[in-house]
Each structure stands twice: as structure tokens, then as C-alpha cells.
Amino acid sequence: MGDGDCECRPLGFLLGLPFALLAFLVSLVGILVWIVGILLSCICPCCICVTVLVEVALELIKAPLHVIKWFTSQIPC
């Protein structure tokens, strides 16, 4: 605690929960896009746009974690 780097910010976590819930819903859409993208890449592996679609879907799946980390970092110790 003496080094100035606070890891425990419960207020930021609580404030970020509603936004994390919305991000969770977006991640569910990301899972569906990911499944469709994987199926399309199996059918036509030469299509590069499907690979980009799968990468975007993976970022959507990680969205709740990014939201909670961002909100937690915005609250001072």
C-alpha cells in the first residue's frame, strides 16, 4: 500500500457492474458471431474477412473484463 499503487477499488467495481452486465450481453452476441465465423472459416478457409470477424468476436467476448478493469482504474484510492 505504501508504493501508491492501489489494487483494491471496490467502488469502481460496484459502479462498473451495470456496464459490465451490458458488456456481458454484447459478449453473448460475440459468442454467436464467433461460432458462425468458425463455421464459415471451416467451409471456406481462403476467406480472410471471416478471420477478421472471428477476431472481432473474440474481443466482444472479452468486453466485460475490459469494462470492469477500466471502471476500477478510474476510481482513485
PDB file of N, CA and C in Angstrom:
ATOM      1  N   MET A   1       0.808  -1.197   0.000  1.00  0.00           N
ATOM      2  CA  MET A   1       0.000   0.000   0.000  1.00  0.00           C
ATOM      3  C   MET A   1       0.848   1.257   0.000  1.00  0.00           C
ATOM      4  N   GLY A   2       2.040   1.164   0.458  1.00  0.00           N
ATOM      5  CA  GLY A   2       2.881   2.334   0.561  1.00  0.00           C
ATOM      6  C   GLY A   2       3.458   2.780  -0.768  1.00  0.00           C
ATOM      7  N   ASP A   3       3.402   1.966  -1.793  1.00  0.00           N
ATOM      8  CA  ASP A   3       4.009   2.327  -3.074  1.00  0.00           C
ATOM      9  C   ASP A   3       3.096   3.169  -3.959  1.00  0.00           C
ATOM     10  N   GLY A   4       1.880   3.460  -3.519  1.00  0.00           N
ATOM     11  CA  GLY A   4       0.974   4.325  -4.275  1.00  0.00           C
ATOM     12  C   GLY A   4       0.142   3.603  -5.317  1.00  0.00           C
ATOM     13  N   ASP A   5       0.319   2.311  -5.473  1.00  0.00           N
ATOM     14  CA  ASP A   5      -0.440   1.552  -6.465  1.00  0.00           C
ATOM     15  C   ASP A   5      -1.536   0.762  -5.760  1.00  0.00           C
ATOM     16  N   CYS A   6      -2.754   1.267  -5.806  1.00  0.00           N
ATOM     17  CA  CYS A   6      -3.872   0.608  -5.131  1.00  0.00           C
ATOM     18  C   CYS A   6      -4.472  -0.447  -6.038  1.00  0.00           C
ATOM     19  N   GLU A   7      -4.649  -1.622  -5.532  1.00  0.00           N
ATOM     20  CA  GLU A   7      -5.291  -2.700  -6.289  1.00  0.00           C
ATOM     21  C   GLU A   7      -6.737  -2.901  -5.861  1.00  0.00           C
ATOM     22  N   CYS A   8      -7.095  -2.436  -4.672  1.00  0.00           N
ATOM     23  CA  CYS A   8      -8.431  -2.672  -4.134  1.00  0.00           C
ATOM     24  C   CYS A   8      -9.279  -1.421  -4.310  1.00  0.00           C
ATOM     25  N   ARG A   9     -10.182  -1.439  -5.268  1.00  0.00           N
ATOM     26  CA  ARG A   9     -11.066  -0.307  -5.521  1.00  0.00           C
ATOM     27  C   ARG A   9     -12.491  -0.825  -5.629  1.00  0.00           C
ATOM     28  N   PRO A  10     -13.125  -1.121  -4.498  1.00  0.00           N
ATOM     29  CA  PRO A  10     -14.464  -1.717  -4.566  1.00  0.00           C
ATOM     30  C   PRO A  10     -15.515  -0.782  -5.147  1.00  0.00           C
ATOM     31  N   LEU A  11     -15.350   0.527  -4.988  1.00  0.00           N
ATOM     32  CA  LEU A  11     -16.328   1.467  -5.525  1.00  0.00           C
ATOM     33  C   LEU A  11     -16.344   1.419  -7.053  1.00  0.00           C
ATOM     34  N   GLY A  12     -15.179   1.368  -7.665  1.00  0.00           N
ATOM     35  CA  GLY A  12     -15.113   1.265  -9.121  1.00  0.00           C
ATOM     36  C   GLY A  12     -15.718  -0.027  -9.621  1.00  0.00           C
ATOM     37  N   PHE A  13     -15.509  -1.105  -8.866  1.00  0.00           N
ATOM     38  CA  PHE A  13     -16.097  -2.389  -9.237  1.00  0.00           C
ATOM     39  C   PHE A  13     -17.618  -2.316  -9.185  1.00  0.00           C
ATOM     40  N   LEU A  14     -18.164  -1.716  -8.126  1.00  0.00           N
ATOM     41  CA  LEU A  14     -19.620  -1.624  -7.983  1.00  0.00           C
ATOM     42  C   LEU A  14     -20.236  -0.704  -9.031  1.00  0.00           C
ATOM     43  N   LEU A  15     -19.578   0.405  -9.326  1.00  0.00           N
ATOM     44  CA  LEU A  15     -20.096   1.317 -10.351  1.00  0.00           C
ATOM     45  C   LEU A  15     -20.025   0.696 -11.742  1.00  0.00           C
ATOM     46  N   GLY A  16     -19.074  -0.172 -11.956  1.00  0.00           N
ATOM     47  CA  GLY A  16     -18.918  -0.787 -13.267  1.00  0.00           C
ATOM     48  C   GLY A  16     -19.818  -1.980 -13.509  1.00  0.00           C
ATOM     49  N   LEU A  17     -20.474  -2.492 -12.474  1.00  0.00           N
ATOM     50  CA  LEU A  17     -21.300  -3.683 -12.649  1.00  0.00           C
ATOM     51  C   LEU A  17     -22.439  -3.532 -13.661  1.00  0.00           C
ATOM     52  N   PRO A  18     -23.208  -2.430 -13.658  1.00  0.00           N
ATOM     53  CA  PRO A  18     -24.264  -2.325 -14.684  1.00  0.00           C
ATOM     54  C   PRO A  18     -23.705  -2.307 -16.101  1.00  0.00           C
ATOM     55  N   PHE A  19     -22.577  -1.631 -16.279  1.00  0.00           N
ATOM     56  CA  PHE A  19     -21.969  -1.575 -17.603  1.00  0.00           C
ATOM     57  C   PHE A  19     -21.359  -2.922 -17.977  1.00  0.00           C
ATOM     58  N   ALA A  20     -20.875  -3.643 -16.979  1.00  0.00           N
ATOM     59  CA  ALA A  20     -20.358  -4.983 -17.244  1.00  0.00           C
ATOM     60  C   ALA A  20     -21.486  -5.922 -17.644  1.00  0.00           C
ATOM     61  N   LEU A  21     -22.668  -5.709 -17.094  1.00  0.00           N
ATOM     62  CA  LEU A  21     -23.818  -6.521 -17.486  1.00  0.00           C
ATOM     63  C   LEU A  21     -24.157  -6.283 -18.960  1.00  0.00           C
ATOM     64  N   LEU A  22     -24.146  -5.022 -19.360  1.00  0.00           N
ATOM     65  CA  LEU A  22     -24.375  -4.712 -20.778  1.00  0.00           C
ATOM     66  C   LEU A  22     -23.273  -5.304 -21.653  1.00  0.00           C
ATOM     67  N   ALA A  23     -22.051  -5.221 -21.169  1.00  0.00           N
ATOM     68  CA  ALA A  23     -20.938  -5.798 -21.922  1.00  0.00           C
ATOM     69  C   ALA A  23     -21.064  -7.318 -21.996  1.00  0.00           C
ATOM     70  N   PHE A  24     -21.626  -7.921 -20.953  1.00  0.00           N
ATOM     71  CA  PHE A  24     -21.849  -9.363 -20.973  1.00  0.00           C
ATOM     72  C   PHE A  24     -22.851  -9.734 -22.065  1.00  0.00           C
ATOM     73  N   LEU A  25     -23.899  -8.928 -22.213  1.00  0.00           N
ATOM     74  CA  LEU A  25     -24.869  -9.179 -23.279  1.00  0.00           C
ATOM     75  C   LEU A  25     -24.214  -9.041 -24.651  1.00  0.00           C
ATOM     76  N   VAL A  26     -23.336  -8.060 -24.783  1.00  0.00           N
ATOM     77  CA  VAL A  26     -22.602  -7.895 -26.038  1.00  0.00           C
ATOM     78  C   VAL A  26     -21.691  -9.103 -26.271  1.00  0.00           C
ATOM     79  N   SER A  27     -21.119  -9.635 -25.190  1.00  0.00           N
ATOM     80  CA  SER A  27     -20.249 -10.793 -25.350  1.00  0.00           C
ATOM     81  C   SER A  27     -21.035 -12.029 -25.786  1.00  0.00           C
ATOM     82  N   LEU A  28     -22.306 -12.116 -25.394  1.00  0.00           N
ATOM     83  CA  LEU A  28     -23.136 -13.219 -25.886  1.00  0.00           C
ATOM     84  C   LEU A  28     -23.314 -13.120 -27.396  1.00  0.00           C
ATOM     85  N   VAL A  29     -23.493 -11.906 -27.887  1.00  0.00           N
ATOM     86  CA  VAL A  29     -23.554 -11.698 -29.341  1.00  0.00           C
ATOM     87  C   VAL A  29     -22.211 -12.085 -29.966  1.00  0.00           C
ATOM     88  N   GLY A  30     -21.134 -11.741 -29.267  1.00  0.00           N
ATOM     89  CA  GLY A  30     -19.806 -12.107 -29.762  1.00  0.00           C
ATOM     90  C   GLY A  30     -19.619 -13.608 -29.868  1.00  0.00           C
ATOM     91  N   ILE A  31     -20.183 -14.350 -28.925  1.00  0.00           N
ATOM     92  CA  ILE A  31     -20.086 -15.808 -28.969  1.00  0.00           C
ATOM     93  C   ILE A  31     -20.804 -16.344 -30.203  1.00  0.00           C
ATOM     94  N   LEU A  32     -21.997 -15.795 -30.480  1.00  0.00           N
ATOM     95  CA  LEU A  32     -22.733 -16.233 -31.673  1.00  0.00           C
ATOM     96  C   LEU A  32     -21.970 -15.903 -32.952  1.00  0.00           C
ATOM     97  N   VAL A  33     -21.398 -14.703 -33.010  1.00  0.00           N
ATOM     98  CA  VAL A  33     -20.618 -14.310 -34.190  1.00  0.00           C
ATOM     99  C   VAL A  33     -19.391 -15.195 -34.326  1.00  0.00           C
ATOM    100  N   TRP A  34     -18.768 -15.540 -33.207  1.00  0.00           N
ATOM    101  CA  TRP A  34     -17.597 -16.398 -33.220  1.00  0.00           C
ATOM    102  C   TRP A  34     -17.937 -17.787 -33.764  1.00  0.00           C
ATOM    103  N   ILE A  35     -19.056 -18.340 -33.319  1.00  0.00           N
ATOM    104  CA  ILE A  35     -19.464 -19.672 -33.787  1.00  0.00           C
ATOM    105  C   ILE A  35     -19.738 -19.646 -35.292  1.00  0.00           C
ATOM    106  N   VAL A  36     -20.464 -18.628 -35.746  1.00  0.00           N
ATOM    107  CA  VAL A  36     -20.742 -18.511 -37.182  1.00  0.00           C
ATOM    108  C   VAL A  36     -19.442 -18.317 -37.963  1.00  0.00           C
ATOM    109  N   GLY A  37     -18.536 -17.507 -37.424  1.00  0.00           N
ATOM    110  CA  GLY A  37     -17.262 -17.273 -38.102  1.00  0.00           C
ATOM    111  C   GLY A  37     -16.410 -18.520 -38.202  1.00  0.00           C
ATOM    112  N   ILE A  38     -16.396 -19.307 -37.137  1.00  0.00           N
ATOM    113  CA  ILE A  38     -15.632 -20.561 -37.168  1.00  0.00           C
ATOM    114  C   ILE A  38     -16.220 -21.517 -38.208  1.00  0.00           C
ATOM    115  N   LEU A  39     -17.556 -21.604 -38.247  1.00  0.00           N
ATOM    116  CA  LEU A  39     -18.188 -22.482 -39.236  1.00  0.00           C
ATOM    117  C   LEU A  39     -17.889 -22.014 -40.657  1.00  0.00           C
ATOM    118  N   LEU A  40     -17.942 -20.702 -40.882  1.00  0.00           N
ATOM    119  CA  LEU A  40     -17.647 -20.183 -42.219  1.00  0.00           C
ATOM    120  C   LEU A  40     -16.188 -20.396 -42.598  1.00  0.00           C
ATOM    121  N   SER A  41     -15.287 -20.276 -41.626  1.00  0.00           N
ATOM    122  CA  SER A  41     -13.876 -20.481 -41.946  1.00  0.00           C
ATOM    123  C   SER A  41     -13.575 -21.951 -42.221  1.00  0.00           C
ATOM    124  N   CYS A  42     -14.381 -22.853 -41.671  1.00  0.00           N
ATOM    125  CA  CYS A  42     -14.212 -24.270 -41.994  1.00  0.00           C
ATOM    126  C   CYS A  42     -14.711 -24.567 -43.409  1.00  0.00           C
ATOM    127  N   ILE A  43     -15.764 -23.859 -43.812  1.00  0.00           N
ATOM    128  CA  ILE A  43     -16.314 -24.072 -45.152  1.00  0.00           C
ATOM    129  C   ILE A  43     -15.398 -23.458 -46.211  1.00  0.00           C
ATOM    130  N   CYS A  44     -14.964 -22.252 -45.972  1.00  0.00           N
ATOM    131  CA  CYS A  44     -14.111 -21.552 -46.937  1.00  0.00           C
ATOM    132  C   CYS A  44     -12.900 -20.956 -46.209  1.00  0.00           C
ATOM    133  N   PRO A  45     -11.826 -21.701 -46.042  1.00  0.00           N
ATOM    134  CA  PRO A  45     -10.678 -21.206 -45.280  1.00  0.00           C
ATOM    135  C   PRO A  45      -9.892 -20.110 -45.999  1.00  0.00           C
ATOM    136  N   CYS A  46     -10.147 -19.882 -47.269  1.00  0.00           N
ATOM    137  CA  CYS A  46      -9.399 -18.873 -48.005  1.00  0.00           C
ATOM    138  C   CYS A  46      -9.945 -17.460 -47.784  1.00  0.00           C
ATOM    139  N   CYS A  47     -11.096 -17.343 -47.182  1.00  0.00           N
ATOM    140  CA  CYS A  47     -11.723 -16.028 -46.991  1.00  0.00           C
ATOM    141  C   CYS A  47     -11.125 -15.338 -45.762  1.00  0.00           C
ATOM    142  N   ILE A  48     -10.354 -14.273 -45.971  1.00  0.00           N
ATOM    143  CA  ILE A  48      -9.657 -13.585 -44.888  1.00  0.00           C
ATOM    144  C   ILE A  48     -10.612 -12.756 -44.025  1.00  0.00           C
ATOM    145  N   CYS A  49     -11.734 -12.306 -44.586  1.00  0.00           N
ATOM    146  CA  CYS A  49     -12.658 -11.475 -43.819  1.00  0.00           C
ATOM    147  C   CYS A  49     -13.320 -12.264 -42.697  1.00  0.00           C
ATOM    148  N   VAL A  50     -13.438 -13.575 -42.860  1.00  0.00           N
ATOM    149  CA  VAL A  50     -14.010 -14.404 -41.804  1.00  0.00           C
ATOM    150  C   VAL A  50     -13.064 -14.436 -40.611  1.00  0.00           C
ATOM    151  N   THR A  51     -11.772 -14.456 -40.869  1.00  0.00           N
ATOM    152  CA  THR A  51     -10.788 -14.435 -39.792  1.00  0.00           C
ATOM    153  C   THR A  51     -10.887 -13.137 -38.991  1.00  0.00           C
ATOM    154  N   VAL A  52     -11.062 -12.039 -39.684  1.00  0.00           N
ATOM    155  CA  VAL A  52     -11.223 -10.748 -39.007  1.00  0.00           C
ATOM    156  C   VAL A  52     -12.503 -10.751 -38.187  1.00  0.00           C
ATOM    157  N   LEU A  53     -13.557 -11.332 -38.710  1.00  0.00           N
ATOM    158  CA  LEU A  53     -14.823 -11.436 -37.994  1.00  0.00           C
ATOM    159  C   LEU A  53     -14.666 -12.238 -36.701  1.00  0.00           C
ATOM    160  N   VAL A  54     -13.907 -13.309 -36.756  1.00  0.00           N
ATOM    161  CA  VAL A  54     -13.667 -14.134 -35.569  1.00  0.00           C
ATOM    162  C   VAL A  54     -12.849 -13.355 -34.537  1.00  0.00           C
ATOM    163  N   GLU A  55     -11.868 -12.576 -34.981  1.00  0.00           N
ATOM    164  CA  GLU A  55     -11.061 -11.769 -34.053  1.00  0.00           C
ATOM    165  C   GLU A  55     -11.905 -10.700 -33.370  1.00  0.00           C
ATOM    166  N   VAL A  56     -12.809 -10.076 -34.107  1.00  0.00           N
ATOM    167  CA  VAL A  56     -13.713  -9.084 -33.511  1.00  0.00           C
ATOM    168  C   VAL A  56     -14.638  -9.748 -32.503  1.00  0.00           C
ATOM    169  N   ALA A  57     -15.102 -10.926 -32.826  1.00  0.00           N
ATOM    170  CA  ALA A  57     -15.973 -11.650 -31.905  1.00  0.00           C
ATOM    171  C   ALA A  57     -15.243 -11.999 -30.612  1.00  0.00           C
ATOM    172  N   LEU A  58     -13.976 -12.361 -30.710  1.00  0.00           N
ATOM    173  CA  LEU A  58     -13.209 -12.662 -29.504  1.00  0.00           C
ATOM    174  C   LEU A  58     -13.053 -11.425 -28.624  1.00  0.00           C
ATOM    175  N   GLU A  59     -12.878 -10.262 -29.224  1.00  0.00           N
ATOM    176  CA  GLU A  59     -12.803  -9.029 -28.434  1.00  0.00           C
ATOM    177  C   GLU A  59     -14.147  -8.709 -27.783  1.00  0.00           C
ATOM    178  N   LEU A  60     -15.244  -9.002 -28.466  1.00  0.00           N
ATOM    179  CA  LEU A  60     -16.564  -8.807 -27.865  1.00  0.00           C
ATOM    180  C   LEU A  60     -16.772  -9.738 -26.670  1.00  0.00           C
ATOM    181  N   ILE A  61     -16.233 -10.933 -26.762  1.00  0.00           N
ATOM    182  CA  ILE A  61     -16.363 -11.876 -25.664  1.00  0.00           C
ATOM    183  C   ILE A  61     -15.578 -11.396 -24.442  1.00  0.00           C
ATOM    184  N   LYS A  62     -14.466 -10.714 -24.661  1.00  0.00           N
ATOM    185  CA  LYS A  62     -13.637 -10.215 -23.562  1.00  0.00           C
ATOM    186  C   LYS A  62     -14.125  -8.875 -23.017  1.00  0.00           C
ATOM    187  N   ALA A  63     -15.173  -8.303 -23.588  1.00  0.00           N
ATOM    188  CA  ALA A  63     -15.635  -6.963 -23.226  1.00  0.00           C
ATOM    189  C   ALA A  63     -15.951  -6.780 -21.740  1.00  0.00           C
ATOM    190  N   PRO A  64     -16.636  -7.709 -21.066  1.00  0.00           N
ATOM    191  CA  PRO A  64     -16.924  -7.465 -19.645  1.00  0.00           C
ATOM    192  C   PRO A  64     -15.672  -7.280 -18.794  1.00  0.00           C
ATOM    193  N   LEU A  65     -14.632  -8.015 -19.090  1.00  0.00           N
ATOM    194  CA  LEU A  65     -13.393  -7.862 -18.331  1.00  0.00           C
ATOM    195  C   LEU A  65     -12.754  -6.503 -18.580  1.00  0.00           C
ATOM    196  N   HIS A  66     -12.777  -6.047 -19.831  1.00  0.00           N
ATOM    197  CA  HIS A  66     -12.215  -4.733 -20.150  1.00  0.00           C
ATOM    198  C   HIS A  66     -12.994  -3.625 -19.449  1.00  0.00           C
ATOM    199  N   VAL A  67     -14.314  -3.761 -19.388  1.00  0.00           N
ATOM    200  CA  VAL A  67     -15.153  -2.736 -18.759  1.00  0.00           C
ATOM    201  C   VAL A  67     -14.879  -2.657 -17.259  1.00  0.00           C
ATOM    202  N   ILE A  68     -14.835  -3.780 -16.590  1.00  0.00           N
ATOM    203  CA  ILE A  68     -14.578  -3.780 -15.144  1.00  0.00           C
ATOM    204  C   ILE A  68     -13.192  -3.224 -14.847  1.00  0.00           C
ATOM    205  N   LYS A  69     -12.181  -3.615 -15.612  1.00  0.00           N
ATOM    206  CA  LYS A  69     -10.826  -3.098 -15.386  1.00  0.00           C
ATOM    207  C   LYS A  69     -10.776  -1.589 -15.609  1.00  0.00           C
ATOM    208  N   TRP A  70     -11.473  -1.099 -16.633  1.00  0.00           N
ATOM    209  CA  TRP A  70     -11.454   0.330 -16.910  1.00  0.00           C
ATOM    210  C   TRP A  70     -12.124   1.110 -15.785  1.00  0.00           C
ATOM    211  N   PHE A  71     -13.320   0.654 -15.340  1.00  0.00           N
ATOM    212  CA  PHE A  71     -14.010   1.348 -14.265  1.00  0.00           C
ATOM    213  C   PHE A  71     -13.196   1.309 -12.976  1.00  0.00           C
ATOM    214  N   THR A  72     -12.589   0.195 -12.687  1.00  0.00           N
ATOM    215  CA  THR A  72     -11.785   0.088 -11.473  1.00  0.00           C
ATOM    216  C   THR A  72     -10.596   1.031 -11.521  1.00  0.00           C
ATOM    217  N   SER A  73      -9.999   1.206 -12.673  1.00  0.00           N
ATOM    218  CA  SER A  73      -8.839   2.091 -12.780  1.00  0.00           C
ATOM    219  C   SER A  73      -9.214   3.572 -12.722  1.00  0.00           C
ATOM    220  N   GLN A  74     -10.470   3.919 -12.962  1.00  0.00           N
ATOM    221  CA  GLN A  74     -10.891   5.311 -12.955  1.00  0.00           C
ATOM    222  C   GLN A  74     -11.129   5.862 -11.554  1.00  0.00           C
ATOM    223  N   ILE A  75     -11.331   5.010 -10.565  1.00  0.00           N
ATOM    224  CA  ILE A  75     -11.607   5.448  -9.206  1.00  0.00           C
ATOM    225  C   ILE A  75     -10.289   5.585  -8.449  1.00  0.00           C
ATOM    226  N   PRO A  76     -10.039   6.761  -7.876  1.00  0.00           N
ATOM    227  CA  PRO A  76      -8.803   6.915  -7.112  1.00  0.00           C
ATOM    228  C   PRO A  76      -8.868   6.150  -5.772  1.00  0.00           C
ATOM    229  N   CYS A  77      -7.707   5.887  -5.225  1.00  0.00           N
ATOM    230  CA  CYS A  77      -7.637   5.144  -3.952  1.00  0.00           C
ATOM    231  C   CYS A  77      -8.149   5.979  -2.783  1.00  0.00           C
TER     232      CYS A  77
END
